[in-house]
Amino acid sequence: MNAQKGFTLIELMIVVAIIGILAAIAIPQYQNYVTRARFAENNTIIAPVKAAIAECLQINNSTLASCDTAAKLLTQVGYPGLPTATTNLTSLTLTAATAAIVVTGTPLVNSCVVTWTPNVGDANKITWVGVTSGGCTKAQTGV
């Protein structure tokens, strides 16, 4: 008798099913990973803005309204201006009265929007609270 070599149809179907399941799980996770890595640049870009706001708040006894525009940051602490658009950043704005930093990503980062709001409840420290919006999640922005 001749011994047959190779795989049966059922064995091949099982392998294809396993690959399909792995792909269904891995591809979305990879896409979130790539988006989060790209959005990390935006979180790095705002570090000097956060520092300028913190310094301004220290000078102005934690009064948010004194530090809520780029012009006030220039006057108070000499901060030259908000960062401009990049490959992953569409815009960066400050919200009047709250000094919140609104970071809007490009389509490369799913146009995610993250708002960083300073909390000055304790006069000795500033705490930044990040909120993700624009249909994005923490898995995509890291915030």
N, C-alpha and C. Protein backbone atom coordinates (compact mmCIF):
# COMPACT_ATOMS: atom_id res chain seq x y z
N MET A 1 0.81 -1.18 0.00
CA MET A 1 0.00 0.00 0.00
C MET A 1 0.86 1.25 0.00
N ASN A 2 0.38 2.20 -0.71
CA ASN A 2 1.06 3.49 -0.75
C ASN A 2 0.55 4.36 0.39
N ALA A 3 1.46 4.90 1.17
CA ALA A 3 1.07 5.82 2.23
C ALA A 3 0.87 7.21 1.62
N GLN A 4 -0.26 7.81 1.95
CA GLN A 4 -0.54 9.14 1.40
C GLN A 4 0.17 10.20 2.23
N LYS A 5 0.59 11.24 1.55
CA LYS A 5 1.29 12.33 2.20
C LYS A 5 0.46 13.60 2.05
N GLY A 6 0.61 14.50 3.01
CA GLY A 6 -0.08 15.78 2.92
C GLY A 6 -1.10 15.95 4.03
N PHE A 7 -1.87 17.03 3.91
CA PHE A 7 -2.86 17.38 4.92
C PHE A 7 -4.26 17.10 4.39
N THR A 8 -5.15 16.80 5.29
CA THR A 8 -6.54 16.60 4.88
C THR A 8 -7.21 17.96 4.78
N LEU A 9 -8.33 18.00 4.13
CA LEU A 9 -9.08 19.24 3.96
C LEU A 9 -9.48 19.82 5.31
N ILE A 10 -9.90 19.00 6.22
CA ILE A 10 -10.33 19.48 7.54
C ILE A 10 -9.17 20.12 8.30
N GLU A 11 -7.98 19.55 8.19
CA GLU A 11 -6.81 20.13 8.85
C GLU A 11 -6.50 21.51 8.28
N LEU A 12 -6.58 21.65 6.98
CA LEU A 12 -6.34 22.94 6.35
C LEU A 12 -7.39 23.96 6.75
N MET A 13 -8.65 23.53 6.84
CA MET A 13 -9.73 24.44 7.24
C MET A 13 -9.54 24.92 8.68
N ILE A 14 -9.07 24.05 9.55
CA ILE A 14 -8.81 24.44 10.94
C ILE A 14 -7.70 25.48 11.00
N VAL A 15 -6.65 25.28 10.24
CA VAL A 15 -5.54 26.24 10.21
C VAL A 15 -6.02 27.59 9.69
N VAL A 16 -6.81 27.60 8.64
CA VAL A 16 -7.34 28.86 8.08
C VAL A 16 -8.23 29.55 9.12
N ALA A 17 -9.05 28.79 9.83
CA ALA A 17 -9.92 29.37 10.86
C ALA A 17 -9.10 29.99 11.98
N ILE A 18 -8.05 29.32 12.41
CA ILE A 18 -7.19 29.86 13.47
C ILE A 18 -6.51 31.15 13.02
N ILE A 19 -6.00 31.16 11.80
CA ILE A 19 -5.37 32.37 11.27
C ILE A 19 -6.38 33.51 11.18
N GLY A 20 -7.60 33.20 10.77
CA GLY A 20 -8.65 34.22 10.68
C GLY A 20 -8.98 34.82 12.04
N ILE A 21 -9.08 33.98 13.05
CA ILE A 21 -9.37 34.47 14.40
C ILE A 21 -8.23 35.35 14.92
N LEU A 22 -7.00 34.90 14.72
CA LEU A 22 -5.86 35.70 15.16
C LEU A 22 -5.81 37.04 14.44
N ALA A 23 -6.09 37.05 13.15
CA ALA A 23 -6.08 38.30 12.38
C ALA A 23 -7.19 39.23 12.86
N ALA A 24 -8.34 38.68 13.17
CA ALA A 24 -9.46 39.51 13.63
C ALA A 24 -9.14 40.20 14.95
N ILE A 25 -8.32 39.59 15.77
CA ILE A 25 -7.94 40.18 17.05
C ILE A 25 -6.72 41.08 16.89
N ALA A 26 -5.73 40.63 16.16
CA ALA A 26 -4.45 41.33 16.08
C ALA A 26 -4.50 42.62 15.27
N ILE A 27 -5.22 42.63 14.17
CA ILE A 27 -5.21 43.82 13.30
C ILE A 27 -5.77 45.05 14.01
N PRO A 28 -6.95 44.98 14.67
CA PRO A 28 -7.42 46.18 15.38
C PRO A 28 -6.48 46.62 16.51
N GLN A 29 -5.89 45.66 17.21
CA GLN A 29 -4.94 46.01 18.26
C GLN A 29 -3.72 46.72 17.69
N TYR A 30 -3.24 46.26 16.56
CA TYR A 30 -2.09 46.88 15.91
C TYR A 30 -2.44 48.29 15.45
N GLN A 31 -3.64 48.47 14.90
CA GLN A 31 -4.05 49.80 14.45
C GLN A 31 -4.12 50.77 15.63
N ASN A 32 -4.66 50.32 16.76
CA ASN A 32 -4.69 51.16 17.96
C ASN A 32 -3.28 51.49 18.43
N TYR A 33 -2.39 50.52 18.36
CA TYR A 33 -1.00 50.72 18.77
C TYR A 33 -0.33 51.80 17.91
N VAL A 34 -0.53 51.72 16.61
CA VAL A 34 0.06 52.70 15.70
C VAL A 34 -0.50 54.09 15.97
N THR A 35 -1.82 54.19 16.15
CA THR A 35 -2.44 55.48 16.43
C THR A 35 -1.92 56.05 17.75
N ARG A 36 -1.83 55.22 18.77
CA ARG A 36 -1.34 55.67 20.08
C ARG A 36 0.11 56.15 19.98
N ALA A 37 0.92 55.45 19.22
CA ALA A 37 2.32 55.86 19.05
C ALA A 37 2.41 57.20 18.33
N ARG A 38 1.57 57.39 17.32
CA ARG A 38 1.57 58.67 16.61
C ARG A 38 1.05 59.79 17.50
N PHE A 39 0.01 59.50 18.29
CA PHE A 39 -0.55 60.54 19.16
C PHE A 39 0.41 60.91 20.29
N ALA A 40 1.32 60.01 20.63
CA ALA A 40 2.31 60.29 21.67
C ALA A 40 3.13 61.53 21.32
N GLU A 41 3.35 61.76 20.03
CA GLU A 41 4.06 62.97 19.61
C GLU A 41 3.29 64.21 20.06
N ASN A 42 1.97 64.18 19.92
CA ASN A 42 1.15 65.32 20.32
C ASN A 42 1.25 65.56 21.83
N ASN A 43 1.26 64.48 22.59
CA ASN A 43 1.38 64.62 24.04
C ASN A 43 2.75 65.18 24.43
N THR A 44 3.77 64.90 23.64
CA THR A 44 5.10 65.45 23.89
C THR A 44 5.17 66.92 23.50
N ILE A 45 4.51 67.27 22.40
CA ILE A 45 4.53 68.66 21.92
C ILE A 45 3.95 69.62 22.95
N ILE A 46 2.96 69.18 23.72
CA ILE A 46 2.30 70.10 24.65
C ILE A 46 3.04 70.25 25.98
N ALA A 47 4.08 69.49 26.20
CA ALA A 47 4.82 69.58 27.48
C ALA A 47 5.30 71.01 27.77
N PRO A 48 5.88 71.74 26.80
CA PRO A 48 6.29 73.11 27.10
C PRO A 48 5.11 74.04 27.39
N VAL A 49 3.96 73.77 26.76
CA VAL A 49 2.76 74.58 27.03
C VAL A 49 2.30 74.34 28.46
N LYS A 50 2.29 73.09 28.87
CA LYS A 50 1.92 72.76 30.26
C LYS A 50 2.86 73.45 31.24
N ALA A 51 4.15 73.42 30.94
CA ALA A 51 5.13 74.05 31.82
C ALA A 51 4.92 75.56 31.90
N ALA A 52 4.62 76.19 30.76
CA ALA A 52 4.38 77.63 30.74
C ALA A 52 3.13 77.98 31.54
N ILE A 53 2.08 77.19 31.39
CA ILE A 53 0.85 77.44 32.17
C ILE A 53 1.13 77.25 33.65
N ALA A 54 1.86 76.22 34.01
CA ALA A 54 2.19 75.97 35.41
C ALA A 54 2.98 77.14 36.00
N GLU A 55 3.96 77.64 35.25
CA GLU A 55 4.75 78.77 35.73
C GLU A 55 3.89 80.02 35.86
N CYS A 56 3.02 80.24 34.89
CA CYS A 56 2.11 81.39 34.92
C CYS A 56 1.17 81.30 36.13
N LEU A 57 0.65 80.11 36.39
CA LEU A 57 -0.23 79.93 37.54
C LEU A 57 0.51 80.18 38.85
N GLN A 58 1.76 79.80 38.90
CA GLN A 58 2.55 80.03 40.10
C GLN A 58 2.73 81.53 40.34
N ILE A 59 2.97 82.27 39.27
CA ILE A 59 3.16 83.72 39.37
C ILE A 59 1.86 84.41 39.77
N ASN A 60 0.73 83.90 39.26
CA ASN A 60 -0.57 84.56 39.44
C ASN A 60 -1.46 83.90 40.49
N ASN A 61 -0.87 83.27 41.48
CA ASN A 61 -1.62 82.67 42.59
C ASN A 61 -2.73 81.74 42.13
N SER A 62 -2.43 80.89 41.17
CA SER A 62 -3.35 79.85 40.67
C SER A 62 -4.63 80.41 40.05
N THR A 63 -4.55 81.60 39.46
CA THR A 63 -5.71 82.19 38.78
C THR A 63 -5.69 81.76 37.32
N LEU A 64 -6.60 80.85 36.95
CA LEU A 64 -6.62 80.30 35.59
C LEU A 64 -6.85 81.37 34.53
N ALA A 65 -7.69 82.35 34.81
CA ALA A 65 -7.99 83.37 33.82
C ALA A 65 -6.77 84.21 33.44
N SER A 66 -5.74 84.19 34.26
CA SER A 66 -4.52 84.94 33.96
C SER A 66 -3.61 84.20 32.99
N CYS A 67 -3.93 82.94 32.70
CA CYS A 67 -3.02 82.10 31.90
C CYS A 67 -3.76 81.33 30.81
N ASP A 68 -4.87 81.85 30.32
CA ASP A 68 -5.72 81.06 29.42
C ASP A 68 -5.59 81.40 27.94
N THR A 69 -4.63 82.23 27.56
CA THR A 69 -4.39 82.50 26.14
C THR A 69 -2.89 82.53 25.87
N ALA A 70 -2.54 82.36 24.61
CA ALA A 70 -1.12 82.41 24.24
C ALA A 70 -0.54 83.80 24.51
N ALA A 71 -1.35 84.85 24.30
CA ALA A 71 -0.88 86.21 24.54
C ALA A 71 -0.55 86.42 26.02
N LYS A 72 -1.38 85.88 26.90
CA LYS A 72 -1.13 86.02 28.34
C LYS A 72 0.12 85.24 28.74
N LEU A 73 0.32 84.07 28.14
CA LEU A 73 1.52 83.30 28.45
C LEU A 73 2.77 84.04 27.99
N LEU A 74 2.67 84.73 26.86
CA LEU A 74 3.80 85.52 26.37
C LEU A 74 4.10 86.66 27.34
N THR A 75 3.06 87.36 27.76
CA THR A 75 3.23 88.49 28.67
C THR A 75 3.72 88.06 30.04
N GLN A 76 3.14 86.99 30.57
CA GLN A 76 3.44 86.57 31.94
C GLN A 76 4.79 85.86 32.08
N VAL A 77 5.07 84.92 31.17
CA VAL A 77 6.28 84.09 31.33
C VAL A 77 7.18 84.06 30.10
N GLY A 78 6.83 84.82 29.07
CA GLY A 78 7.68 84.87 27.88
C GLY A 78 7.56 83.67 26.96
N TYR A 79 6.47 82.90 27.09
CA TYR A 79 6.30 81.73 26.21
C TYR A 79 6.01 82.22 24.80
N PRO A 80 6.80 81.80 23.79
CA PRO A 80 6.74 82.38 22.46
C PRO A 80 5.48 82.10 21.65
N GLY A 81 4.73 81.09 21.94
CA GLY A 81 3.52 80.81 21.16
C GLY A 81 3.22 79.33 21.13
N LEU A 82 1.99 79.03 20.78
CA LEU A 82 1.56 77.63 20.74
C LEU A 82 2.18 76.91 19.55
N PRO A 83 2.44 75.62 19.68
CA PRO A 83 3.00 74.84 18.57
C PRO A 83 2.08 74.85 17.35
N THR A 84 2.68 74.77 16.19
CA THR A 84 1.91 74.76 14.95
C THR A 84 1.63 73.32 14.52
N ALA A 85 0.86 73.19 13.46
CA ALA A 85 0.46 71.87 12.96
C ALA A 85 1.67 71.04 12.55
N THR A 86 1.54 69.72 12.77
CA THR A 86 2.57 68.77 12.36
C THR A 86 1.89 67.63 11.61
N THR A 87 2.63 66.59 11.34
CA THR A 87 2.07 65.42 10.66
C THR A 87 0.92 64.81 11.44
N ASN A 88 1.00 64.85 12.77
CA ASN A 88 -0.01 64.23 13.62
C ASN A 88 -0.87 65.22 14.38
N LEU A 89 -0.59 66.51 14.26
CA LEU A 89 -1.30 67.55 15.01
C LEU A 89 -1.98 68.52 14.06
N THR A 90 -3.31 68.61 14.15
CA THR A 90 -4.04 69.58 13.33
C THR A 90 -4.01 70.94 14.00
N SER A 91 -4.38 70.98 15.29
CA SER A 91 -4.38 72.25 16.00
C SER A 91 -4.19 72.05 17.49
N LEU A 92 -3.74 73.10 18.13
CA LEU A 92 -3.59 73.13 19.57
C LEU A 92 -4.13 74.47 20.03
N THR A 93 -5.13 74.47 20.89
CA THR A 93 -5.74 75.72 21.35
C THR A 93 -5.85 75.72 22.87
N LEU A 94 -5.99 76.92 23.41
CA LEU A 94 -6.24 77.09 24.84
C LEU A 94 -7.68 77.54 25.01
N THR A 95 -8.35 76.99 26.00
CA THR A 95 -9.74 77.34 26.27
C THR A 95 -9.77 78.50 27.26
N ALA A 96 -10.51 79.56 26.90
CA ALA A 96 -10.61 80.73 27.77
C ALA A 96 -11.22 80.34 29.11
N ALA A 97 -10.77 80.99 30.15
CA ALA A 97 -11.25 80.84 31.53
C ALA A 97 -10.74 79.58 32.22
N THR A 98 -10.55 78.48 31.50
CA THR A 98 -10.10 77.25 32.17
C THR A 98 -8.64 76.92 31.88
N ALA A 99 -8.05 77.55 30.89
CA ALA A 99 -6.67 77.29 30.46
C ALA A 99 -6.48 75.85 30.01
N ALA A 100 -7.56 75.20 29.59
CA ALA A 100 -7.47 73.82 29.10
C ALA A 100 -6.79 73.81 27.74
N ILE A 101 -5.95 72.82 27.52
CA ILE A 101 -5.25 72.66 26.25
C ILE A 101 -6.03 71.64 25.42
N VAL A 102 -6.48 72.05 24.24
CA VAL A 102 -7.24 71.16 23.36
C VAL A 102 -6.33 70.75 22.21
N VAL A 103 -6.03 69.46 22.13
CA VAL A 103 -5.13 68.91 21.12
C VAL A 103 -5.98 68.15 20.12
N THR A 104 -5.95 68.58 18.85
CA THR A 104 -6.71 67.90 17.80
C THR A 104 -5.74 67.24 16.84
N GLY A 105 -5.90 65.94 16.69
CA GLY A 105 -5.02 65.17 15.82
C GLY A 105 -5.46 65.21 14.37
N THR A 106 -4.58 64.81 13.49
CA THR A 106 -4.87 64.72 12.06
C THR A 106 -5.59 63.40 11.78
N PRO A 107 -6.05 63.21 10.54
CA PRO A 107 -6.66 61.92 10.19
C PRO A 107 -5.72 60.73 10.41
N LEU A 108 -4.41 60.94 10.40
CA LEU A 108 -3.47 59.86 10.69
C LEU A 108 -3.66 59.29 12.08
N VAL A 109 -4.17 60.10 13.00
CA VAL A 109 -4.45 59.65 14.36
C VAL A 109 -5.96 59.67 14.62
N ASN A 110 -6.71 59.37 13.58
CA ASN A 110 -8.18 59.26 13.64
C ASN A 110 -8.85 60.56 14.07
N SER A 111 -8.21 61.69 13.87
CA SER A 111 -8.74 63.00 14.26
C SER A 111 -9.16 63.03 15.73
N CYS A 112 -8.44 62.31 16.55
CA CYS A 112 -8.74 62.26 17.99
C CYS A 112 -8.53 63.64 18.61
N VAL A 113 -9.34 63.94 19.62
CA VAL A 113 -9.23 65.19 20.35
C VAL A 113 -9.00 64.86 21.82
N VAL A 114 -7.96 65.47 22.39
CA VAL A 114 -7.69 65.29 23.82
C VAL A 114 -7.66 66.67 24.46
N THR A 115 -8.39 66.81 25.55
CA THR A 115 -8.43 68.06 26.29
C THR A 115 -7.73 67.86 27.63
N TRP A 116 -6.69 68.65 27.85
CA TRP A 116 -5.94 68.61 29.11
C TRP A 116 -6.36 69.82 29.94
N THR A 117 -6.98 69.57 31.08
CA THR A 117 -7.48 70.65 31.93
C THR A 117 -6.66 70.71 33.22
N PRO A 118 -6.14 71.91 33.54
CA PRO A 118 -5.39 72.03 34.79
C PRO A 118 -6.33 72.09 35.99
N ASN A 119 -5.97 71.38 37.04
CA ASN A 119 -6.73 71.42 38.28
C ASN A 119 -5.82 72.04 39.33
N VAL A 120 -6.25 73.18 39.86
CA VAL A 120 -5.43 73.90 40.84
C VAL A 120 -6.12 73.94 42.20
N GLY A 121 -6.81 72.87 42.55
CA GLY A 121 -7.51 72.80 43.84
C GLY A 121 -6.56 72.95 45.01
N ASP A 122 -5.38 72.42 44.89
CA ASP A 122 -4.35 72.55 45.92
C ASP A 122 -3.39 73.64 45.45
N ALA A 123 -3.21 74.66 46.26
CA ALA A 123 -2.39 75.81 45.85
C ALA A 123 -0.93 75.44 45.59
N ASN A 124 -0.49 74.29 46.08
CA ASN A 124 0.91 73.92 45.94
C ASN A 124 1.21 73.04 44.74
N LYS A 125 0.18 72.65 44.00
CA LYS A 125 0.45 71.78 42.85
C LYS A 125 -0.62 71.96 41.78
N ILE A 126 -0.25 71.57 40.58
CA ILE A 126 -1.18 71.57 39.46
C ILE A 126 -1.30 70.13 38.96
N THR A 127 -2.52 69.71 38.74
CA THR A 127 -2.78 68.36 38.25
C THR A 127 -3.47 68.48 36.90
N TRP A 128 -2.98 67.76 35.91
CA TRP A 128 -3.57 67.80 34.58
C TRP A 128 -4.50 66.61 34.40
N VAL A 129 -5.72 66.88 33.98
CA VAL A 129 -6.71 65.84 33.73
C VAL A 129 -6.94 65.77 32.23
N GLY A 130 -6.67 64.61 31.64
CA GLY A 130 -6.84 64.43 30.19
C GLY A 130 -8.12 63.69 29.88
N VAL A 131 -8.87 64.21 28.90
CA VAL A 131 -10.12 63.58 28.46
C VAL A 131 -10.05 63.40 26.95
N THR A 132 -10.30 62.18 26.49
CA THR A 132 -10.28 61.87 25.07
C THR A 132 -11.69 61.99 24.50
N SER A 133 -11.81 62.60 23.32
CA SER A 133 -13.11 62.70 22.65
C SER A 133 -12.90 62.57 21.15
N GLY A 134 -13.92 62.88 20.38
CA GLY A 134 -13.81 62.76 18.93
C GLY A 134 -13.95 61.33 18.46
N GLY A 135 -14.64 60.51 19.25
CA GLY A 135 -14.84 59.11 18.86
C GLY A 135 -13.63 58.23 19.12
N CYS A 136 -12.69 58.71 19.92
CA CYS A 136 -11.49 57.93 20.20
C CYS A 136 -11.50 57.42 21.63
N THR A 137 -10.64 56.47 21.89
CA THR A 137 -10.55 55.86 23.22
C THR A 137 -9.13 55.99 23.75
N LYS A 138 -8.96 55.59 24.99
CA LYS A 138 -7.63 55.60 25.61
C LYS A 138 -6.68 54.69 24.84
N ALA A 139 -7.21 53.62 24.27
CA ALA A 139 -6.37 52.69 23.50
C ALA A 139 -5.73 53.37 22.30
N GLN A 140 -6.36 54.45 21.81
CA GLN A 140 -5.84 55.15 20.63
C GLN A 140 -4.97 56.35 20.98
N THR A 141 -5.23 56.99 22.13
CA THR A 141 -4.48 58.20 22.47
C THR A 141 -3.52 58.03 23.63
N GLY A 142 -3.74 57.01 24.43
CA GLY A 142 -2.91 56.82 25.61
C GLY A 142 -3.33 57.71 26.76
N VAL A 143 -4.44 58.43 26.60
CA VAL A 143 -4.92 59.35 27.64
C VAL A 143 -6.23 58.84 28.19
